[in-house]
Structures are given as C-alpha cells and as structure tokens.
C-alpha cells in the first residue's frame, strides 16, 4: 500500500448528478457508481492499481471494482461521493465487505493518510505499528496466502537473483574490470531494480521495502558510491524510498 494523491472528480460527478445518482441508488439499489468515467478517474490517480494491495487493475476487467471506504449501508449518502471512492481489486473489496470505519474502527485510507505511519513490511509479511494498521491488515486480508504471499515470494526471488548477478559483476569491476561496458551493465541492473519499485508499478511498497533493506543491495550501493557511479541512480532510489514501508 502506498500513499495516493486523489485527483479531481470526473466531470460527470457534478453536484446535480451526485444528488440524482444518490437518489437513484436509494430508490432502486442500482450500482450507480459503476460508471466508466468514475472508474477511469480512480485508475488515473492510482496508476491503475488496487488502493490496498497494489494489484494491477484494468478498467476492461471485471477484477476492478469501485470500493466504498464507508460502506453503502448505512452510508447511502456517500455512494458516489468522490472522497469515499477507491479503486480496488475484487479480493480486497470482498475481504473488506461491509467493514465500517465509522463503527468498527478506523483503517488506513491511502488517499488520505500515509500508510508508513501504520504499516511496515517484515520480509514477506505486512505488519502493523498500531491499531489502525492491524485493523487495516485484517479488514482487507493483506497477508492472504492464496495470492499475495505467492506474488511477494516470486518477486523477492527474482529480485534476489538479480542482486546476486549484479553483486558478481560489481566484484569483477572492483577487481579491475572497469570497462565502460561492465560499468554500464551494473548501473543498468541497479536502475532496473529501482524502477521496479517506482510508485506507479504494481506492489511498489513491497519491492521498495525488500530492495532498500537488502544487505546485498546496500553493499552494491556503497560500492557504486565509492567508485563514483551512484549519482545517476540517486533519484530513482529517492522515488523508491517515498513508498518504502520500513520497520
């Protein structure tokens, strides 16, 4: 989970249309929030990811759902209130279900607060710093083994493999192979790893947290700094740090 910066509501959500759609839902129970304009606007500010687990979403897929932070019942007046809507994958939306932050206890709304205040990663597991973090993990089932643990495990294995390969290249460089080709190979490899943890990428918080705390990565970074090769990578690392859920 990363901090999201909520964009402007779609032009279709005028005061008049909000009132009309809310009334329609109240009388008919119709899913008035399932408008393409709403879905597109939600995906635009979330980089087409689930607000909770960062699964990649596609507006054309049934997997993308419009999530109501405060549930439709009893908060029917908020069914198309822009600040109450989040993009979610089907698993997170189903897990959260009718959980009501107003009565069941506040959870993290990533469009309003920084998740780092309440959550952090320890290896493959998302852990909590406080009650809000704990309720968030439980409400959205953010350590579910049917999907998230498997994805995190695969991502971590691929990252570790890349780091070990880059570490070997770095050792060769330090041993005297300072050719431009080898130098650029190392820089490109580290850049690729950091780009995978860019805020716009799926599972960015997990990847940033795993990568930046990895001893092999830290050794490679220090070696690059000592060799005067780190500067072009610094901005990429700062971007990854912005979504890191560090202990």
Foldseek 3Di string as FASTA:
>chain_A
DFAWAQDDQFPCPDVVNLVVLLVCCVVPVDLSCLDLSRVVSQCVRQLQAAQQQLHHHDNVDPQKDWAFQADCVPPSSCSPPNVRTHIHGPLQRVLLPNPGCVPNNAADDSNPDGCLVFWADDQQDIDTDDPNNVCSCNNRVNSDPVPSSVVSVVVLVVLVVLLVVLLVLLVVCVVPPVDPVSLVVSVVSVLVQLVCLASSHGNNQSSLQSQVPDPSNVVSQVSCVVVVNCVVVVVSNVRSVNRHNYD
